[in-house]
PDB file of N, CA and C in Angstrom:
ATOM      1  N   MET A   1      -2.529  -6.217  26.635  1.00  0.00           N
ATOM      2  CA  MET A   1      -1.859  -8.446  26.166  1.00  0.00           C
ATOM      3  C   MET A   1      -2.838  -8.770  25.236  1.00  0.00           C
ATOM      4  N   GLN A   2      -4.540  -8.943  26.303  1.00  0.00           N
ATOM      5  CA  GLN A   2      -5.163  -9.181  24.799  1.00  0.00           C
ATOM      6  C   GLN A   2      -5.602  -8.383  23.683  1.00  0.00           C
ATOM      7  N   GLU A   3      -5.368  -7.350  23.478  1.00  0.00           N
ATOM      8  CA  GLU A   3      -4.341  -6.552  21.776  1.00  0.00           C
ATOM      9  C   GLU A   3      -3.528  -7.204  21.150  1.00  0.00           C
ATOM     10  N   GLN A   4      -2.283  -8.322  21.546  1.00  0.00           N
ATOM     11  CA  GLN A   4      -2.222  -8.068  21.173  1.00  0.00           C
ATOM     12  C   GLN A   4      -2.148  -9.992  20.650  1.00  0.00           C
ATOM     13  N   GLU A   5      -3.053 -10.668  21.144  1.00  0.00           N
ATOM     14  CA  GLU A   5      -3.355 -12.170  20.639  1.00  0.00           C
ATOM     15  C   GLU A   5      -4.264 -11.079  19.412  1.00  0.00           C
ATOM     16  N   ASN A   6      -4.439 -10.603  19.636  1.00  0.00           N
ATOM     17  CA  ASN A   6      -5.118  -9.854  17.956  1.00  0.00           C
ATOM     18  C   ASN A   6      -4.915  -9.634  17.011  1.00  0.00           C
ATOM     19  N   ASP A   7      -3.277  -9.605  17.214  1.00  0.00           N
ATOM     20  CA  ASP A   7      -2.620  -9.046  15.886  1.00  0.00           C
ATOM     21  C   ASP A   7      -2.099 -10.077  15.037  1.00  0.00           C
ATOM     22  N   VAL A   8      -2.159  -9.330  13.548  1.00  0.00           N
ATOM     23  CA  VAL A   8      -1.689 -10.875  12.296  1.00  0.00           C
ATOM     24  C   VAL A   8      -0.519 -10.574  12.237  1.00  0.00           C
ATOM     25  N   PRO A   9       0.330 -11.605  11.847  1.00  0.00           N
ATOM     26  CA  PRO A   9       1.630 -11.596  11.534  1.00  0.00           C
ATOM     27  C   PRO A   9       1.011 -10.877   9.564  1.00  0.00           C
ATOM     28  N   LEU A  10       2.924 -10.312   9.406  1.00  0.00           N
ATOM     29  CA  LEU A  10       2.725  -9.157   7.976  1.00  0.00           C
ATOM     30  C   LEU A  10       2.475 -11.182   6.697  1.00  0.00           C
ATOM     31  N   HIS A  11       1.378 -10.524   6.157  1.00  0.00           N
ATOM     32  CA  HIS A  11       2.173 -11.964   4.830  1.00  0.00           C
ATOM     33  C   HIS A  11       2.687 -11.435   4.875  1.00  0.00           C
ATOM     34  N   GLU A  12       2.801 -12.580   3.570  1.00  0.00           N
ATOM     35  CA  GLU A  12       4.164 -13.774   2.791  1.00  0.00           C
ATOM     36  C   GLU A  12       3.963 -12.688   1.959  1.00  0.00           C
ATOM     37  N   GLU A  13       5.635 -12.873   1.213  1.00  0.00           N
ATOM     38  CA  GLU A  13       6.900 -11.948  -0.084  1.00  0.00           C
ATOM     39  C   GLU A  13       5.465 -12.423  -1.342  1.00  0.00           C
ATOM     40  N   LEU A  14       5.126 -10.874  -1.676  1.00  0.00           N
ATOM     41  CA  LEU A  14       3.884 -11.429  -2.729  1.00  0.00           C
ATOM     42  C   LEU A  14       5.100 -12.501  -4.177  1.00  0.00           C
ATOM     43  N   ALA A  15       4.286 -12.736  -5.360  1.00  0.00           N
ATOM     44  CA  ALA A  15       4.146 -13.223  -5.863  1.00  0.00           C
ATOM     45  C   ALA A  15       4.441 -12.717  -7.052  1.00  0.00           C
ATOM     46  N   ASP A  16       5.367 -13.941  -7.749  1.00  0.00           N
ATOM     47  CA  ASP A  16       5.791 -11.679  -9.416  1.00  0.00           C
ATOM     48  C   ASP A  16       4.825 -11.489  -9.526  1.00  0.00           C
ATOM     49  N   ASP A  17       3.728 -12.980 -10.026  1.00  0.00           N
ATOM     50  CA  ASP A  17       2.651 -11.669 -10.667  1.00  0.00           C
ATOM     51  C   ASP A  17       1.961 -10.522  -9.839  1.00  0.00           C
ATOM     52  N   GLN A  18       1.673 -11.292  -8.917  1.00  0.00           N
ATOM     53  CA  GLN A  18       1.111  -9.588  -7.979  1.00  0.00           C
ATOM     54  C   GLN A  18       1.827  -8.826  -8.153  1.00  0.00           C
ATOM     55  N   TRP A  19       2.574  -9.088  -7.828  1.00  0.00           N
ATOM     56  CA  TRP A  19       3.797  -7.742  -7.344  1.00  0.00           C
ATOM     57  C   TRP A  19       3.569  -7.082  -9.020  1.00  0.00           C
ATOM     58  N   GLN A  20       3.412  -8.243 -10.722  1.00  0.00           N
ATOM     59  CA  GLN A  20       3.477  -7.595 -11.237  1.00  0.00           C
ATOM     60  C   GLN A  20       2.437  -6.581 -11.495  1.00  0.00           C
ATOM     61  N   GLU A  21       1.010  -6.574 -10.897  1.00  0.00           N
ATOM     62  CA  GLU A  21       0.172  -6.407 -11.618  1.00  0.00           C
ATOM     63  C   GLU A  21      -0.725  -5.211 -10.592  1.00  0.00           C
ATOM     64  N   LEU A  22       0.022  -5.080  -8.622  1.00  0.00           N
ATOM     65  CA  LEU A  22       0.692  -4.006  -7.894  1.00  0.00           C
ATOM     66  C   LEU A  22       1.408  -3.023  -8.851  1.00  0.00           C
ATOM     67  N   GLY A  23       2.531  -3.447  -9.565  1.00  0.00           N
ATOM     68  CA  GLY A  23       2.847  -2.494  -9.723  1.00  0.00           C
ATOM     69  C   GLY A  23       1.942  -1.782 -11.645  1.00  0.00           C
ATOM     70  N   MET A  24       1.688  -2.638 -12.031  1.00  0.00           N
ATOM     71  CA  MET A  24       0.521  -1.955 -12.616  1.00  0.00           C
ATOM     72  C   MET A  24      -0.420  -0.972 -12.755  1.00  0.00           C
ATOM     73  N   ILE A  25      -0.814  -1.246 -10.881  1.00  0.00           N
ATOM     74  CA  ILE A  25      -1.941  -0.237 -10.583  1.00  0.00           C
ATOM     75  C   ILE A  25      -0.710   1.155 -10.470  1.00  0.00           C
ATOM     76  N   ILE A  26      -0.146   0.369  -9.535  1.00  0.00           N
ATOM     77  CA  ILE A  26       0.403   2.354  -9.109  1.00  0.00           C
ATOM     78  C   ILE A  26       0.805   2.853 -10.179  1.00  0.00           C
ATOM     79  N   ILE A  27       1.478   2.375 -11.546  1.00  0.00           N
ATOM     80  CA  ILE A  27       1.765   2.863 -12.898  1.00  0.00           C
ATOM     81  C   ILE A  27       0.804   3.799 -12.950  1.00  0.00           C
ATOM     82  N   ASP A  28      -0.964   3.693 -13.317  1.00  0.00           N
ATOM     83  CA  ASP A  28      -1.342   4.016 -13.723  1.00  0.00           C
ATOM     84  C   ASP A  28      -2.315   4.825 -12.643  1.00  0.00           C
ATOM     85  N   ALA A  29      -2.118   4.242 -11.060  1.00  0.00           N
ATOM     86  CA  ALA A  29      -2.736   5.417 -10.754  1.00  0.00           C
ATOM     87  C   ALA A  29      -1.237   6.367 -10.557  1.00  0.00           C
ATOM     88  N   LEU A  30      -0.821   7.157 -10.768  1.00  0.00           N
ATOM     89  CA  LEU A  30       0.424   7.651 -10.432  1.00  0.00           C
ATOM     90  C   LEU A  30      -0.053   8.536 -12.410  1.00  0.00           C
ATOM     91  N   ASN A  31      -0.303   7.873 -13.294  1.00  0.00           N
ATOM     92  CA  ASN A  31      -0.206   8.256 -14.475  1.00  0.00           C
ATOM     93  C   ASN A  31      -2.306   9.274 -14.221  1.00  0.00           C
ATOM     94  N   HIS A  32      -3.212   8.491 -13.893  1.00  0.00           N
ATOM     95  CA  HIS A  32      -4.378   9.174 -14.480  1.00  0.00           C
ATOM     96  C   HIS A  32      -4.319   9.599 -13.032  1.00  0.00           C
ATOM     97  N   THR A  33      -3.496   9.920 -12.040  1.00  0.00           N
ATOM     98  CA  THR A  33      -4.612  10.826 -10.468  1.00  0.00           C
ATOM     99  C   THR A  33      -5.216  10.362  -9.983  1.00  0.00           C
ATOM    100  N   HIS A  34      -5.785   8.623  -9.391  1.00  0.00           N
ATOM    101  CA  HIS A  34      -7.223   8.294  -9.369  1.00  0.00           C
ATOM    102  C   HIS A  34      -7.595   7.766  -8.363  1.00  0.00           C
ATOM    103  N   ASP A  35      -8.286   7.641  -7.693  1.00  0.00           N
ATOM    104  CA  ASP A  35      -8.033   6.639  -5.508  1.00  0.00           C
ATOM    105  C   ASP A  35      -8.508   6.264  -6.095  1.00  0.00           C
ATOM    106  N   VAL A  36      -7.739   5.067  -5.241  1.00  0.00           N
ATOM    107  CA  VAL A  36      -6.300   3.638  -4.948  1.00  0.00           C
ATOM    108  C   VAL A  36      -7.119   3.283  -3.406  1.00  0.00           C
ATOM    109  N   ILE A  37      -7.955   2.577  -3.306  1.00  0.00           N
ATOM    110  CA  ILE A  37      -8.136   2.161  -1.698  1.00  0.00           C
ATOM    111  C   ILE A  37      -6.161   0.949  -1.770  1.00  0.00           C
ATOM    112  N   VAL A  38      -5.567   1.772  -0.380  1.00  0.00           N
ATOM    113  CA  VAL A  38      -4.132   0.935  -0.030  1.00  0.00           C
ATOM    114  C   VAL A  38      -5.123   0.084   1.538  1.00  0.00           C
ATOM    115  N   THR A  39      -4.161  -1.042   0.878  1.00  0.00           N
ATOM    116  CA  THR A  39      -4.261  -2.310   2.324  1.00  0.00           C
ATOM    117  C   THR A  39      -3.328  -2.286   2.794  1.00  0.00           C
ATOM    118  N   TYR A  40      -2.255  -2.126   3.523  1.00  0.00           N
ATOM    119  CA  TYR A  40      -1.230  -2.012   4.473  1.00  0.00           C
ATOM    120  C   TYR A  40      -1.357  -2.315   6.330  1.00  0.00           C
ATOM    121  N   TRP A  41       0.168  -3.354   6.314  1.00  0.00           N
ATOM    122  CA  TRP A  41       0.362  -3.745   6.884  1.00  0.00           C
ATOM    123  C   TRP A  41       0.888  -2.966   8.291  1.00  0.00           C
ATOM    124  N   VAL A  42      -0.100  -2.610   9.533  1.00  0.00           N
ATOM    125  CA  VAL A  42       0.929  -1.538  10.534  1.00  0.00           C
ATOM    126  C   VAL A  42       0.812  -2.200  11.450  1.00  0.00           C
ATOM    127  N   ASN A  43       2.012  -2.272  12.902  1.00  0.00           N
ATOM    128  CA  ASN A  43       1.754  -2.825  14.097  1.00  0.00           C
ATOM    129  C   ASN A  43       0.438  -3.322  14.085  1.00  0.00           C
ATOM    130  N   GLY A  44       1.223  -4.652  13.495  1.00  0.00           N
ATOM    131  CA  GLY A  44       0.182  -5.556  13.464  1.00  0.00           C
ATOM    132  C   GLY A  44      -1.169  -5.767  13.686  1.00  0.00           C
ATOM    133  N   ARG A  45      -2.035  -4.652  11.815  1.00  0.00           N
ATOM    134  CA  ARG A  45      -2.922  -4.983  11.354  1.00  0.00           C
ATOM    135  C   ARG A  45      -3.031  -4.002  10.398  1.00  0.00           C
ATOM    136  N   TYR A  46      -4.103  -4.550   9.229  1.00  0.00           N
ATOM    137  CA  TYR A  46      -4.570  -4.435   8.141  1.00  0.00           C
ATOM    138  C   TYR A  46      -4.836  -2.822   8.569  1.00  0.00           C
ATOM    139  N   GLN A  47      -3.835  -2.680   7.557  1.00  0.00           N
ATOM    140  CA  GLN A  47      -5.781  -0.916   7.829  1.00  0.00           C
ATOM    141  C   GLN A  47      -5.943  -0.855   6.345  1.00  0.00           C
ATOM    142  N   GLU A  48      -6.833   0.056   5.864  1.00  0.00           N
ATOM    143  CA  GLU A  48      -7.519   0.276   4.236  1.00  0.00           C
ATOM    144  C   GLU A  48      -7.538   1.814   4.622  1.00  0.00           C
ATOM    145  N   LEU A  49      -6.634   2.865   2.922  1.00  0.00           N
ATOM    146  CA  LEU A  49      -6.327   4.029   3.745  1.00  0.00           C
ATOM    147  C   LEU A  49      -7.258   3.983   1.743  1.00  0.00           C
ATOM    148  N   THR A  50      -7.521   5.365   1.669  1.00  0.00           N
ATOM    149  CA  THR A  50      -8.904   5.758   0.492  1.00  0.00           C
ATOM    150  C   THR A  50      -7.721   7.147   0.173  1.00  0.00           C
ATOM    151  N   CYS A  51      -7.248   6.971  -1.765  1.00  0.00           N
ATOM    152  CA  CYS A  51      -5.943   7.940  -1.306  1.00  0.00           C
ATOM    153  C   CYS A  51      -5.691   7.353  -2.843  1.00  0.00           C
ATOM    154  N   THR A  52      -4.310   8.501  -2.945  1.00  0.00           N
ATOM    155  CA  THR A  52      -4.256   9.082  -4.057  1.00  0.00           C
ATOM    156  C   THR A  52      -2.121   8.207  -3.799  1.00  0.00           C
ATOM    157  N   ILE A  53      -1.672   7.675  -5.385  1.00  0.00           N
ATOM    158  CA  ILE A  53      -0.794   7.923  -5.844  1.00  0.00           C
ATOM    159  C   ILE A  53       0.780   9.136  -6.545  1.00  0.00           C
ATOM    160  N   ASP A  54       0.757   9.371  -5.486  1.00  0.00           N
ATOM    161  CA  ASP A  54       1.920  10.623  -5.276  1.00  0.00           C
ATOM    162  C   ASP A  54       3.613  10.476  -6.534  1.00  0.00           C
ATOM    163  N   LYS A  55       3.430  10.098  -5.755  1.00  0.00           N
ATOM    164  CA  LYS A  55       5.638   8.898  -6.128  1.00  0.00           C
ATOM    165  C   LYS A  55       4.952   7.745  -6.218  1.00  0.00           C
ATOM    166  N   LEU A  56       5.894   6.880  -6.930  1.00  0.00           N
ATOM    167  CA  LEU A  56       7.500   5.609  -6.262  1.00  0.00           C
ATOM    168  C   LEU A  56       8.635   5.283  -6.277  1.00  0.00           C
ATOM    169  N   ASP A  57       8.929   5.468  -5.172  1.00  0.00           N
ATOM    170  CA  ASP A  57      10.462   5.786  -5.078  1.00  0.00           C
ATOM    171  C   ASP A  57      10.984   3.856  -4.900  1.00  0.00           C
ATOM    172  N   GLU A  58      11.904   4.541  -5.695  1.00  0.00           N
ATOM    173  CA  GLU A  58      11.966   2.367  -6.481  1.00  0.00           C
ATOM    174  C   GLU A  58      13.924   2.063  -5.739  1.00  0.00           C
ATOM    175  N   LEU A  59      14.158   3.038  -5.140  1.00  0.00           N
ATOM    176  CA  LEU A  59      15.240   3.081  -5.116  1.00  0.00           C
ATOM    177  C   LEU A  59      15.003   2.277  -3.398  1.00  0.00           C
ATOM    178  N   ASN A  60      14.431   2.742  -3.031  1.00  0.00           N
ATOM    179  CA  ASN A  60      13.710   2.890  -1.339  1.00  0.00           C
ATOM    180  C   ASN A  60      12.571   1.895  -1.451  1.00  0.00           C
ATOM    181  N   LYS A  61      11.862   1.595  -2.370  1.00  0.00           N
ATOM    182  CA  LYS A  61      10.864   0.521  -2.719  1.00  0.00           C
ATOM    183  C   LYS A  61       9.146   0.870  -1.878  1.00  0.00           C
ATOM    184  N   ARG A  62       8.648   2.540  -2.212  1.00  0.00           N
ATOM    185  CA  ARG A  62       7.720   2.934  -1.079  1.00  0.00           C
ATOM    186  C   ARG A  62       6.684   4.094  -2.558  1.00  0.00           C
ATOM    187  N   ILE A  63       6.145   3.456  -1.869  1.00  0.00           N
ATOM    188  CA  ILE A  63       4.920   4.978  -2.911  1.00  0.00           C
ATOM    189  C   ILE A  63       4.889   5.667  -1.693  1.00  0.00           C
ATOM    190  N   LYS A  64       4.634   7.262  -2.214  1.00  0.00           N
ATOM    191  CA  LYS A  64       4.149   8.669  -1.593  1.00  0.00           C
ATOM    192  C   LYS A  64       2.763   8.042  -1.518  1.00  0.00           C
ATOM    193  N   VAL A  65       2.008   8.224  -0.521  1.00  0.00           N
ATOM    194  CA  VAL A  65       0.338   8.076  -0.331  1.00  0.00           C
ATOM    195  C   VAL A  65       0.423   9.873  -0.189  1.00  0.00           C
ATOM    196  N   VAL A  66      -1.160  10.224  -1.122  1.00  0.00           N
ATOM    197  CA  VAL A  66      -2.365  11.452  -0.604  1.00  0.00           C
ATOM    198  C   VAL A  66      -2.936  11.398   0.311  1.00  0.00           C
ATOM    199  N   PHE A  67      -3.823  12.024   1.000  1.00  0.00           N
ATOM    200  CA  PHE A  67      -4.481  11.662   0.797  1.00  0.00           C
ATOM    201  C   PHE A  67      -5.262  12.659   1.680  1.00  0.00           C
ATOM    202  N   SER A  68      -6.469  13.128   2.384  1.00  0.00           N
ATOM    203  CA  SER A  68      -7.005  14.850   3.526  1.00  0.00           C
ATOM    204  C   SER A  68      -5.990  15.625   2.583  1.00  0.00           C
ATOM    205  N   ASP A  69      -5.333  16.507   3.340  1.00  0.00           N
ATOM    206  CA  ASP A  69      -4.436  17.506   4.132  1.00  0.00           C
ATOM    207  C   ASP A  69      -2.980  17.080   4.215  1.00  0.00           C
ATOM    208  N   ASP A  70      -2.758  15.235   4.370  1.00  0.00           N
ATOM    209  CA  ASP A  70      -1.555  14.957   4.164  1.00  0.00           C
ATOM    210  C   ASP A  70      -1.164  13.783   3.436  1.00  0.00           C
ATOM    211  N   TYR A  71      -0.059  13.336   3.367  1.00  0.00           N
ATOM    212  CA  TYR A  71       0.166  11.974   2.529  1.00  0.00           C
ATOM    213  C   TYR A  71       1.164  11.030   3.928  1.00  0.00           C
ATOM    214  N   GLU A  72       1.873  10.448   3.220  1.00  0.00           N
ATOM    215  CA  GLU A  72       2.766   9.134   3.883  1.00  0.00           C
ATOM    216  C   GLU A  72       2.977   8.765   2.929  1.00  0.00           C
ATOM    217  N   TRP A  73       5.334   8.338   3.598  1.00  0.00           N
ATOM    218  CA  TRP A  73       5.537   6.710   2.933  1.00  0.00           C
ATOM    219  C   TRP A  73       5.034   5.801   3.363  1.00  0.00           C
ATOM    220  N   LEU A  74       4.288   4.393   2.980  1.00  0.00           N
ATOM    221  CA  LEU A  74       4.274   3.520   2.216  1.00  0.00           C
ATOM    222  C   LEU A  74       5.297   2.828   1.474  1.00  0.00           C
ATOM    223  N   ASN A  75       5.261   1.741   2.712  1.00  0.00           N
ATOM    224  CA  ASN A  75       6.700  -0.158   2.564  1.00  0.00           C
ATOM    225  C   ASN A  75       6.177  -0.548   1.764  1.00  0.00           C
ATOM    226  N   LEU A  76       6.643  -0.699   0.211  1.00  0.00           N
ATOM    227  CA  LEU A  76       5.567  -1.790  -1.069  1.00  0.00           C
ATOM    228  C   LEU A  76       5.840  -3.373   0.398  1.00  0.00           C
ATOM    229  N   ARG A  77       7.027  -3.058   0.752  1.00  0.00           N
ATOM    230  CA  ARG A  77       7.004  -4.560   1.550  1.00  0.00           C
ATOM    231  C   ARG A  77       5.403  -4.882   2.273  1.00  0.00           C
ATOM    232  N   LEU A  78       5.351  -3.679   2.974  1.00  0.00           N
ATOM    233  CA  LEU A  78       3.690  -3.765   4.196  1.00  0.00           C
ATOM    234  C   LEU A  78       2.272  -3.848   2.993  1.00  0.00           C
ATOM    235  N   ILE A  79       2.217  -3.081   1.745  1.00  0.00           N
ATOM    236  CA  ILE A  79       1.631  -3.307   1.152  1.00  0.00           C
ATOM    237  C   ILE A  79       0.827  -4.442   0.843  1.00  0.00           C
ATOM    238  N   LYS A  80      -0.182  -5.465   1.306  1.00  0.00           N
ATOM    239  CA  LYS A  80      -1.051  -6.754   0.665  1.00  0.00           C
ATOM    240  C   LYS A  80      -2.005  -6.217  -0.631  1.00  0.00           C
ATOM    241  N   SER A  81      -1.850  -5.021  -1.069  1.00  0.00           N
ATOM    242  CA  SER A  81      -2.876  -4.898  -2.339  1.00  0.00           C
ATOM    243  C   SER A  81      -3.661  -3.757  -2.421  1.00  0.00           C
ATOM    244  N   ILE A  82      -3.586  -2.847  -3.442  1.00  0.00           N
ATOM    245  CA  ILE A  82      -4.376  -1.526  -4.017  1.00  0.00           C
ATOM    246  C   ILE A  82      -4.706  -2.086  -4.942  1.00  0.00           C
ATOM    247  N   VAL A  83      -6.429  -1.242  -4.969  1.00  0.00           N
ATOM    248  CA  VAL A  83      -8.053  -2.091  -5.672  1.00  0.00           C
ATOM    249  C   VAL A  83      -7.982  -0.338  -6.264  1.00  0.00           C
ATOM    250  N   GLN A  84      -8.906   0.107  -7.757  1.00  0.00           N
ATOM    251  CA  GLN A  84      -8.557   1.538  -8.001  1.00  0.00           C
ATOM    252  C   GLN A  84     -10.436   1.258  -7.245  1.00  0.00           C
ATOM    253  N   VAL A  85     -10.436   2.723  -7.245  1.00  0.00           N
ATOM    254  CA  VAL A  85     -11.597   2.855  -6.838  1.00  0.00           C
ATOM    255  C   VAL A  85     -12.790   3.172  -8.292  1.00  0.00           C
TER     256      VAL A  85
END
């Protein structure tokens, strides 16, 4: 029960300029294969993941991120920020 009290709500929808900036970082990371830190919301908390962006799925609004020997698809709506390392 106490754990749920520490949960944080999902951030508001990003503003157009924030989406534009996020999009530029994603495209740059795809074109140049450099590491990024993705901050995203999962299970009531924000997590940071250092990874590379492997694919952008515009139809399903998600990105494929690769880290160590694994990968994960992240819904763009859950991403709060992406920063180049």
